[in-house]
PDB file of N, CA and C in Angstrom:
ATOM      1  N   MET A   1       4.707   6.565  -9.204  1.00  0.00           N
ATOM      2  CA  MET A   1       5.745   6.433  -8.212  1.00  0.00           C
ATOM      3  C   MET A   1       6.373   5.052  -8.330  1.00  0.00           C
ATOM      4  N   THR A   2       7.596   4.989  -7.893  1.00  0.00           N
ATOM      5  CA  THR A   2       8.339   3.745  -7.969  1.00  0.00           C
ATOM      6  C   THR A   2       8.987   3.455  -6.615  1.00  0.00           C
ATOM      7  N   PRO A   3       8.868   2.221  -6.119  1.00  0.00           N
ATOM      8  CA  PRO A   3       9.561   1.894  -4.875  1.00  0.00           C
ATOM      9  C   PRO A   3      11.066   1.863  -5.126  1.00  0.00           C
ATOM     10  N   VAL A   4      11.829   2.371  -4.160  1.00  0.00           N
ATOM     11  CA  VAL A   4      13.283   2.421  -4.313  1.00  0.00           C
ATOM     12  C   VAL A   4      13.966   1.758  -3.123  1.00  0.00           C
ATOM     13  N   GLU A   5      15.170   1.268  -3.367  1.00  0.00           N
ATOM     14  CA  GLU A   5      15.959   0.676  -2.306  1.00  0.00           C
ATOM     15  C   GLU A   5      16.505   1.766  -1.399  1.00  0.00           C
ATOM     16  N   PHE A   6      16.800   1.416  -0.142  1.00  0.00           N
ATOM     17  CA  PHE A   6      17.362   2.357   0.816  1.00  0.00           C
ATOM     18  C   PHE A   6      18.226   1.564   1.804  1.00  0.00           C
ATOM     19  N   PRO A   7      19.200   2.233   2.445  1.00  0.00           N
ATOM     20  CA  PRO A   7      20.180   1.515   3.277  1.00  0.00           C
ATOM     21  C   PRO A   7      19.586   0.653   4.389  1.00  0.00           C
ATOM     22  N   GLU A   8      18.505   1.075   4.996  1.00  0.00           N
ATOM     23  CA  GLU A   8      17.950   0.343   6.144  1.00  0.00           C
ATOM     24  C   GLU A   8      17.098  -0.869   5.756  1.00  0.00           C
ATOM     25  N   GLN A   9      16.780  -1.043   4.487  1.00  0.00           N
ATOM     26  CA  GLN A   9      15.882  -2.137   4.095  1.00  0.00           C
ATOM     27  C   GLN A   9      16.444  -3.474   4.553  1.00  0.00           C
ATOM     28  N   ASN A  10      15.534  -4.373   4.937  1.00  0.00           N
ATOM     29  CA  ASN A  10      15.955  -5.708   5.367  1.00  0.00           C
ATOM     30  C   ASN A  10      15.127  -6.822   4.724  1.00  0.00           C
ATOM     31  N   VAL A  11      14.297  -6.455   3.738  1.00  0.00           N
ATOM     32  CA  VAL A  11      13.482  -7.437   3.029  1.00  0.00           C
ATOM     33  C   VAL A  11      13.053  -6.843   1.688  1.00  0.00           C
ATOM     34  N   VAL A  12      12.746  -7.716   0.730  1.00  0.00           N
ATOM     35  CA  VAL A  12      12.144  -7.278  -0.535  1.00  0.00           C
ATOM     36  C   VAL A  12      10.906  -8.140  -0.744  1.00  0.00           C
ATOM     37  N   PHE A  13       9.742  -7.523  -0.641  1.00  0.00           N
ATOM     38  CA  PHE A  13       8.480  -8.231  -0.865  1.00  0.00           C
ATOM     39  C   PHE A  13       8.272  -8.428  -2.368  1.00  0.00           C
ATOM     40  N   ALA A  14       7.620  -9.508  -2.738  1.00  0.00           N
ATOM     41  CA  ALA A  14       7.271  -9.826  -4.130  1.00  0.00           C
ATOM     42  C   ALA A  14       8.499  -9.904  -5.025  1.00  0.00           C
ATOM     43  N   LYS A  15       9.625 -10.291  -4.454  1.00  0.00           N
ATOM     44  CA  LYS A  15      10.881 -10.365  -5.205  1.00  0.00           C
ATOM     45  C   LYS A  15      10.758 -11.290  -6.413  1.00  0.00           C
ATOM     46  N   ASP A  16      10.070 -12.406  -6.263  1.00  0.00           N
ATOM     47  CA  ASP A  16       9.936 -13.382  -7.341  1.00  0.00           C
ATOM     48  C   ASP A  16       8.496 -13.509  -7.830  1.00  0.00           C
ATOM     49  N   GLN A  17       7.765 -12.389  -7.805  1.00  0.00           N
ATOM     50  CA  GLN A  17       6.381 -12.389  -8.270  1.00  0.00           C
ATOM     51  C   GLN A  17       6.254 -11.353  -9.393  1.00  0.00           C
ATOM     52  N   PRO A  18       6.366 -11.798 -10.647  1.00  0.00           N
ATOM     53  CA  PRO A  18       6.390 -10.855 -11.770  1.00  0.00           C
ATOM     54  C   PRO A  18       5.124 -10.002 -11.918  1.00  0.00           C
ATOM     55  N   GLU A  19       4.014 -10.409 -11.314  1.00  0.00           N
ATOM     56  CA  GLU A  19       2.786  -9.612 -11.425  1.00  0.00           C
ATOM     57  C   GLU A  19       2.826  -8.371 -10.530  1.00  0.00           C
ATOM     58  N   TYR A  20       3.819  -8.281  -9.635  1.00  0.00           N
ATOM     59  CA  TYR A  20       3.960  -7.139  -8.727  1.00  0.00           C
ATOM     60  C   TYR A  20       5.337  -6.510  -8.886  1.00  0.00           C
ATOM     61  N   LEU A  21       5.437  -5.237  -8.508  1.00  0.00           N
ATOM     62  CA  LEU A  21       6.752  -4.603  -8.419  1.00  0.00           C
ATOM     63  C   LEU A  21       7.437  -5.108  -7.159  1.00  0.00           C
ATOM     64  N   PRO A  22       8.729  -5.423  -7.221  1.00  0.00           N
ATOM     65  CA  PRO A  22       9.430  -5.761  -5.984  1.00  0.00           C
ATOM     66  C   PRO A  22       9.388  -4.563  -5.039  1.00  0.00           C
ATOM     67  N   LEU A  23       9.156  -4.820  -3.762  1.00  0.00           N
ATOM     68  CA  LEU A  23       9.027  -3.750  -2.785  1.00  0.00           C
ATOM     69  C   LEU A  23      10.112  -3.864  -1.716  1.00  0.00           C
ATOM     70  N   PRO A  24      11.214  -3.091  -1.872  1.00  0.00           N
ATOM     71  CA  PRO A  24      12.213  -3.059  -0.809  1.00  0.00           C
ATOM     72  C   PRO A  24      11.584  -2.428   0.430  1.00  0.00           C
ATOM     73  N   ALA A  25      11.837  -3.001   1.587  1.00  0.00           N
ATOM     74  CA  ALA A  25      11.197  -2.493   2.796  1.00  0.00           C
ATOM     75  C   ALA A  25      12.035  -2.804   4.026  1.00  0.00           C
ATOM     76  N   TYR A  26      11.714  -2.090   5.092  1.00  0.00           N
ATOM     77  CA  TYR A  26      12.274  -2.358   6.409  1.00  0.00           C
ATOM     78  C   TYR A  26      11.118  -2.843   7.277  1.00  0.00           C
ATOM     79  N   VAL A  27      11.283  -3.992   7.907  1.00  0.00           N
ATOM     80  CA  VAL A  27      10.256  -4.533   8.794  1.00  0.00           C
ATOM     81  C   VAL A  27      10.824  -4.536  10.203  1.00  0.00           C
ATOM     82  N   THR A  28      10.098  -3.902  11.125  1.00  0.00           N
ATOM     83  CA  THR A  28      10.567  -3.858  12.512  1.00  0.00           C
ATOM     84  C   THR A  28      10.406  -5.231  13.155  1.00  0.00           C
ATOM     85  N   ASP A  29      11.186  -5.484  14.178  1.00  0.00           N
ATOM     86  CA  ASP A  29      11.099  -6.784  14.854  1.00  0.00           C
ATOM     87  C   ASP A  29      10.309  -6.694  16.159  1.00  0.00           C
ATOM     88  N   ASP A  30       9.547  -5.611  16.332  1.00  0.00           N
ATOM     89  CA  ASP A  30       8.711  -5.481  17.524  1.00  0.00           C
ATOM     90  C   ASP A  30       7.321  -6.059  17.259  1.00  0.00           C
ATOM     91  N   SER A  31       6.445  -5.972  18.217  1.00  0.00           N
ATOM     92  CA  SER A  31       5.113  -6.569  18.075  1.00  0.00           C
ATOM     93  C   SER A  31       4.265  -5.880  17.007  1.00  0.00           C
ATOM     94  N   ALA A  32       4.569  -4.640  16.661  1.00  0.00           N
ATOM     95  CA  ALA A  32       3.791  -3.922  15.636  1.00  0.00           C
ATOM     96  C   ALA A  32       4.130  -4.403  14.227  1.00  0.00           C
ATOM     97  N   ARG A  33       5.325  -4.970  14.036  1.00  0.00           N
ATOM     98  CA  ARG A  33       5.768  -5.436  12.711  1.00  0.00           C
ATOM     99  C   ARG A  33       5.518  -4.359  11.646  1.00  0.00           C
ATOM    100  N   THR A  34       5.955  -3.138  11.934  1.00  0.00           N
ATOM    101  CA  THR A  34       5.794  -2.020  11.011  1.00  0.00           C
ATOM    102  C   THR A  34       6.614  -2.262   9.753  1.00  0.00           C
ATOM    103  N   VAL A  35       6.020  -1.966   8.595  1.00  0.00           N
ATOM    104  CA  VAL A  35       6.703  -2.091   7.311  1.00  0.00           C
ATOM    105  C   VAL A  35       6.893  -0.692   6.742  1.00  0.00           C
ATOM    106  N   ILE A  36       8.135  -0.331   6.444  1.00  0.00           N
ATOM    107  CA  ILE A  36       8.448   0.984   5.887  1.00  0.00           C
ATOM    108  C   ILE A  36       9.030   0.779   4.503  1.00  0.00           C
ATOM    109  N   SER A  37       8.495   1.496   3.519  1.00  0.00           N
ATOM    110  CA  SER A  37       9.041   1.459   2.161  1.00  0.00           C
ATOM    111  C   SER A  37       9.281   2.885   1.699  1.00  0.00           C
ATOM    112  N   CYS A  38      10.098   3.038   0.677  1.00  0.00           N
ATOM    113  CA  CYS A  38      10.457   4.352   0.158  1.00  0.00           C
ATOM    114  C   CYS A  38      10.050   4.419  -1.317  1.00  0.00           C
ATOM    115  N   TRP A  39       9.413   5.519  -1.693  1.00  0.00           N
ATOM    116  CA  TRP A  39       8.908   5.689  -3.054  1.00  0.00           C
ATOM    117  C   TRP A  39       9.428   6.986  -3.645  1.00  0.00           C
ATOM    118  N   ARG A  40       9.728   6.974  -4.927  1.00  0.00           N
ATOM    119  CA  ARG A  40      10.201   8.164  -5.612  1.00  0.00           C
ATOM    120  C   ARG A  40       9.168   8.581  -6.660  1.00  0.00           C
ATOM    121  N   PHE A  41       8.861   9.896  -6.653  1.00  0.00           N
ATOM    122  CA  PHE A  41       7.944  10.467  -7.633  1.00  0.00           C
ATOM    123  C   PHE A  41       8.660  10.698  -8.961  1.00  0.00           C
ATOM    124  N   THR A  42       7.946  10.535 -10.067  1.00  0.00           N
ATOM    125  CA  THR A  42       8.478  10.972 -11.358  1.00  0.00           C
ATOM    126  C   THR A  42       8.394  12.496 -11.393  1.00  0.00           C
ATOM    127  N   TRP A  43       9.068  13.115 -12.346  1.00  0.00           N
ATOM    128  CA  TRP A  43       8.998  14.580 -12.461  1.00  0.00           C
ATOM    129  C   TRP A  43       7.571  15.033 -12.708  1.00  0.00           C
ATOM    130  N   ARG A  44       6.842  14.303 -13.532  1.00  0.00           N
ATOM    131  CA  ARG A  44       5.447  14.661 -13.819  1.00  0.00           C
ATOM    132  C   ARG A  44       4.608  14.605 -12.540  1.00  0.00           C
ATOM    133  N   GLU A  45       4.801  13.551 -11.737  1.00  0.00           N
ATOM    134  CA  GLU A  45       4.072  13.424 -10.473  1.00  0.00           C
ATOM    135  C   GLU A  45       4.447  14.549  -9.517  1.00  0.00           C
ATOM    136  N   ARG A  46       5.737  14.892  -9.467  1.00  0.00           N
ATOM    137  CA  ARG A  46       6.173  15.990  -8.602  1.00  0.00           C
ATOM    138  C   ARG A  46       5.480  17.291  -8.986  1.00  0.00           C
ATOM    139  N   LEU A  47       5.402  17.567 -10.270  1.00  0.00           N
ATOM    140  CA  LEU A  47       4.744  18.791 -10.736  1.00  0.00           C
ATOM    141  C   LEU A  47       3.259  18.775 -10.387  1.00  0.00           C
ATOM    142  N   LYS A  48       2.613  17.652 -10.580  1.00  0.00           N
ATOM    143  CA  LYS A  48       1.189  17.554 -10.262  1.00  0.00           C
ATOM    144  C   LYS A  48       0.935  17.835  -8.786  1.00  0.00           C
ATOM    145  N   VAL A  49       1.743  17.223  -7.911  1.00  0.00           N
ATOM    146  CA  VAL A  49       1.581  17.442  -6.467  1.00  0.00           C
ATOM    147  C   VAL A  49       1.894  18.891  -6.124  1.00  0.00           C
ATOM    148  N   PHE A  50       2.949  19.429  -6.727  1.00  0.00           N
ATOM    149  CA  PHE A  50       3.322  20.816  -6.475  1.00  0.00           C
ATOM    150  C   PHE A  50       2.176  21.768  -6.801  1.00  0.00           C
ATOM    151  N   PHE A  51       1.450  21.464  -7.876  1.00  0.00           N
ATOM    152  CA  PHE A  51       0.338  22.324  -8.277  1.00  0.00           C
ATOM    153  C   PHE A  51      -0.994  21.909  -7.665  1.00  0.00           C
ATOM    154  N   GLY A  52      -0.950  21.075  -6.624  1.00  0.00           N
ATOM    155  CA  GLY A  52      -2.148  20.806  -5.844  1.00  0.00           C
ATOM    156  C   GLY A  52      -2.841  19.478  -6.049  1.00  0.00           C
ATOM    157  N   ALA A  53      -2.297  18.606  -6.879  1.00  0.00           N
ATOM    158  CA  ALA A  53      -2.937  17.298  -7.063  1.00  0.00           C
ATOM    159  C   ALA A  53      -2.866  16.508  -5.753  1.00  0.00           C
ATOM    160  N   PRO A  54      -3.924  15.798  -5.396  1.00  0.00           N
ATOM    161  CA  PRO A  54      -3.898  14.996  -4.172  1.00  0.00           C
ATOM    162  C   PRO A  54      -3.085  13.718  -4.367  1.00  0.00           C
ATOM    163  N   LEU A  55      -2.635  13.144  -3.276  1.00  0.00           N
ATOM    164  CA  LEU A  55      -1.966  11.849  -3.302  1.00  0.00           C
ATOM    165  C   LEU A  55      -3.013  10.794  -2.974  1.00  0.00           C
ATOM    166  N   TRP A  56      -3.221   9.868  -3.883  1.00  0.00           N
ATOM    167  CA  TRP A  56      -4.170   8.775  -3.669  1.00  0.00           C
ATOM    168  C   TRP A  56      -3.391   7.551  -3.226  1.00  0.00           C
ATOM    169  N   ILE A  57      -3.933   6.791  -2.282  1.00  0.00           N
ATOM    170  CA  ILE A  57      -3.280   5.573  -1.814  1.00  0.00           C
ATOM    171  C   ILE A  57      -4.226   4.404  -2.042  1.00  0.00           C
ATOM    172  N   ARG A  58      -3.748   3.422  -2.775  1.00  0.00           N
ATOM    173  CA  ARG A  58      -4.536   2.217  -3.034  1.00  0.00           C
ATOM    174  C   ARG A  58      -3.957   1.092  -2.189  1.00  0.00           C
ATOM    175  N   SER A  59      -4.764   0.506  -1.321  1.00  0.00           N
ATOM    176  CA  SER A  59      -4.307  -0.556  -0.441  1.00  0.00           C
ATOM    177  C   SER A  59      -5.062  -1.833  -0.784  1.00  0.00           C
ATOM    178  N   MET A  60      -4.333  -2.840  -1.220  1.00  0.00           N
ATOM    179  CA  MET A  60      -4.954  -4.110  -1.594  1.00  0.00           C
ATOM    180  C   MET A  60      -5.038  -4.994  -0.354  1.00  0.00           C
ATOM    181  N   THR A  61      -6.238  -5.168   0.176  1.00  0.00           N
ATOM    182  CA  THR A  61      -6.415  -5.933   1.413  1.00  0.00           C
ATOM    183  C   THR A  61      -6.758  -7.396   1.171  1.00  0.00           C
ATOM    184  N   PHE A  62      -7.144  -7.744  -0.036  1.00  0.00           N
ATOM    185  CA  PHE A  62      -7.535  -9.112  -0.376  1.00  0.00           C
ATOM    186  C   PHE A  62      -8.570  -9.653   0.601  1.00  0.00           C
ATOM    187  N   GLY A  63      -9.484  -8.769   1.030  1.00  0.00           N
ATOM    188  CA  GLY A  63     -10.571  -9.156   1.911  1.00  0.00           C
ATOM    189  C   GLY A  63     -10.239  -9.089   3.394  1.00  0.00           C
ATOM    190  N   GLY A  64      -8.990  -8.816   3.730  1.00  0.00           N
ATOM    191  CA  GLY A  64      -8.600  -8.709   5.136  1.00  0.00           C
ATOM    192  C   GLY A  64      -8.874  -7.308   5.648  1.00  0.00           C
ATOM    193  N   PRO A  65      -8.628  -7.076   6.934  1.00  0.00           N
ATOM    194  CA  PRO A  65      -8.868  -5.746   7.483  1.00  0.00           C
ATOM    195  C   PRO A  65      -7.876  -4.719   6.929  1.00  0.00           C
ATOM    196  N   LEU A  66      -8.319  -3.489   6.828  1.00  0.00           N
ATOM    197  CA  LEU A  66      -7.451  -2.405   6.387  1.00  0.00           C
ATOM    198  C   LEU A  66      -6.410  -2.128   7.459  1.00  0.00           C
ATOM    199  N   GLN A  67      -5.167  -2.053   7.048  1.00  0.00           N
ATOM    200  CA  GLN A  67      -4.083  -1.767   7.985  1.00  0.00           C
ATOM    201  C   GLN A  67      -3.831  -0.262   8.029  1.00  0.00           C
ATOM    202  N   PRO A  68      -3.422   0.275   9.170  1.00  0.00           N
ATOM    203  CA  PRO A  68      -3.130   1.710   9.256  1.00  0.00           C
ATOM    204  C   PRO A  68      -1.995   2.092   8.310  1.00  0.00           C
ATOM    205  N   LEU A  69      -2.142   3.231   7.643  1.00  0.00           N
ATOM    206  CA  LEU A  69      -1.123   3.747   6.736  1.00  0.00           C
ATOM    207  C   LEU A  69      -0.700   5.128   7.211  1.00  0.00           C
ATOM    208  N   LEU A  70       0.567   5.477   7.010  1.00  0.00           N
ATOM    209  CA  LEU A  70       1.053   6.790   7.392  1.00  0.00           C
ATOM    210  C   LEU A  70       1.981   7.322   6.305  1.00  0.00           C
ATOM    211  N   PRO A  71       1.428   7.969   5.277  1.00  0.00           N
ATOM    212  CA  PRO A  71       2.300   8.598   4.275  1.00  0.00           C
ATOM    213  C   PRO A  71       3.069   9.735   4.940  1.00  0.00           C
ATOM    214  N   GLU A  72       4.353   9.843   4.633  1.00  0.00           N
ATOM    215  CA  GLU A  72       5.145  10.920   5.210  1.00  0.00           C
ATOM    216  C   GLU A  72       6.292  11.284   4.278  1.00  0.00           C
ATOM    217  N   VAL A  73       6.815  12.468   4.437  1.00  0.00           N
ATOM    218  CA  VAL A  73       7.963  12.900   3.640  1.00  0.00           C
ATOM    219  C   VAL A  73       9.228  12.961   4.484  1.00  0.00           C
ATOM    220  N   ASN A  74       9.103  12.894   5.801  1.00  0.00           N
ATOM    221  CA  ASN A  74      10.273  12.889   6.675  1.00  0.00           C
ATOM    222  C   ASN A  74      10.829  11.480   6.782  1.00  0.00           C
ATOM    223  N   ARG A  75      12.138  11.365   6.694  1.00  0.00           N
ATOM    224  CA  ARG A  75      12.799  10.060   6.800  1.00  0.00           C
ATOM    225  C   ARG A  75      12.515   9.465   8.181  1.00  0.00           C
ATOM    226  N   PRO A  76      11.899   8.277   8.259  1.00  0.00           N
ATOM    227  CA  PRO A  76      11.485   7.727   9.545  1.00  0.00           C
ATOM    228  C   PRO A  76      12.629   7.184  10.396  1.00  0.00           C
ATOM    229  N   PHE A  77      13.838   7.104   9.858  1.00  0.00           N
ATOM    230  CA  PHE A  77      14.969   6.558  10.598  1.00  0.00           C
ATOM    231  C   PHE A  77      15.780   7.634  11.316  1.00  0.00           C
ATOM    232  N   VAL A  78      15.329   8.891  11.205  1.00  0.00           N
ATOM    233  CA  VAL A  78      16.018  10.018  11.837  1.00  0.00           C
ATOM    234  C   VAL A  78      15.073  10.648  12.840  1.00  0.00           C
ATOM    235  N   LYS A  79      15.572  10.906  14.043  1.00  0.00           N
ATOM    236  CA  LYS A  79      14.732  11.543  15.051  1.00  0.00           C
ATOM    237  C   LYS A  79      14.347  12.945  14.598  1.00  0.00           C
ATOM    238  N   GLN A  80      13.134  13.382  14.939  1.00  0.00           N
ATOM    239  CA  GLN A  80      12.678  14.737  14.584  1.00  0.00           C
ATOM    240  C   GLN A  80      13.694  15.748  15.090  1.00  0.00           C
ATOM    241  N   GLY A  81      13.984  16.722  14.261  1.00  0.00           N
ATOM    242  CA  GLY A  81      14.949  17.759  14.609  1.00  0.00           C
ATOM    243  C   GLY A  81      16.364  17.369  14.206  1.00  0.00           C
ATOM    244  N   GLY A  82      16.566  16.097  13.857  1.00  0.00           N
ATOM    245  CA  GLY A  82      17.884  15.641  13.423  1.00  0.00           C
ATOM    246  C   GLY A  82      18.072  15.867  11.933  1.00  0.00           C
ATOM    247  N   LYS A  83      19.263  15.588  11.466  1.00  0.00           N
ATOM    248  CA  LYS A  83      19.550  15.743  10.037  1.00  0.00           C
ATOM    249  C   LYS A  83      18.872  14.606   9.285  1.00  0.00           C
ATOM    250  N   SER A  84      18.130  14.942   8.241  1.00  0.00           N
ATOM    251  CA  SER A  84      17.421  13.912   7.485  1.00  0.00           C
ATOM    252  C   SER A  84      18.079  13.690   6.137  1.00  0.00           C
ATOM    253  N   GLY A  85      17.925  12.493   5.614  1.00  0.00           N
ATOM    254  CA  GLY A  85      18.433  12.173   4.289  1.00  0.00           C
ATOM    255  C   GLY A  85      17.394  12.457   3.243  1.00  0.00           C
ATOM    256  N   LYS A  86      17.726  12.169   2.011  1.00  0.00           N
ATOM    257  CA  LYS A  86      16.809  12.413   0.894  1.00  0.00           C
ATOM    258  C   LYS A  86      15.763  11.343   0.834  1.00  0.00           C
TER     259      LYS A  86
END
């Protein structure tokens, strides 16, 4: 998977760190400081998931506490029941 840019993004993490992929993201300004990023599957990954492969998530905590994660396919910037983007 590859992180992709999206209209709502307001930051790019690791922009000048060649050891990491730049991560376009949206960071909320509330007390939760939620970080939302968008990822695109390759065709091979799409086929694997379609045929039942699980999605694995690797979270690098660097010794800190694990943060809550919420993988989702629904666009988080659209209210449920509303028109969603790709």
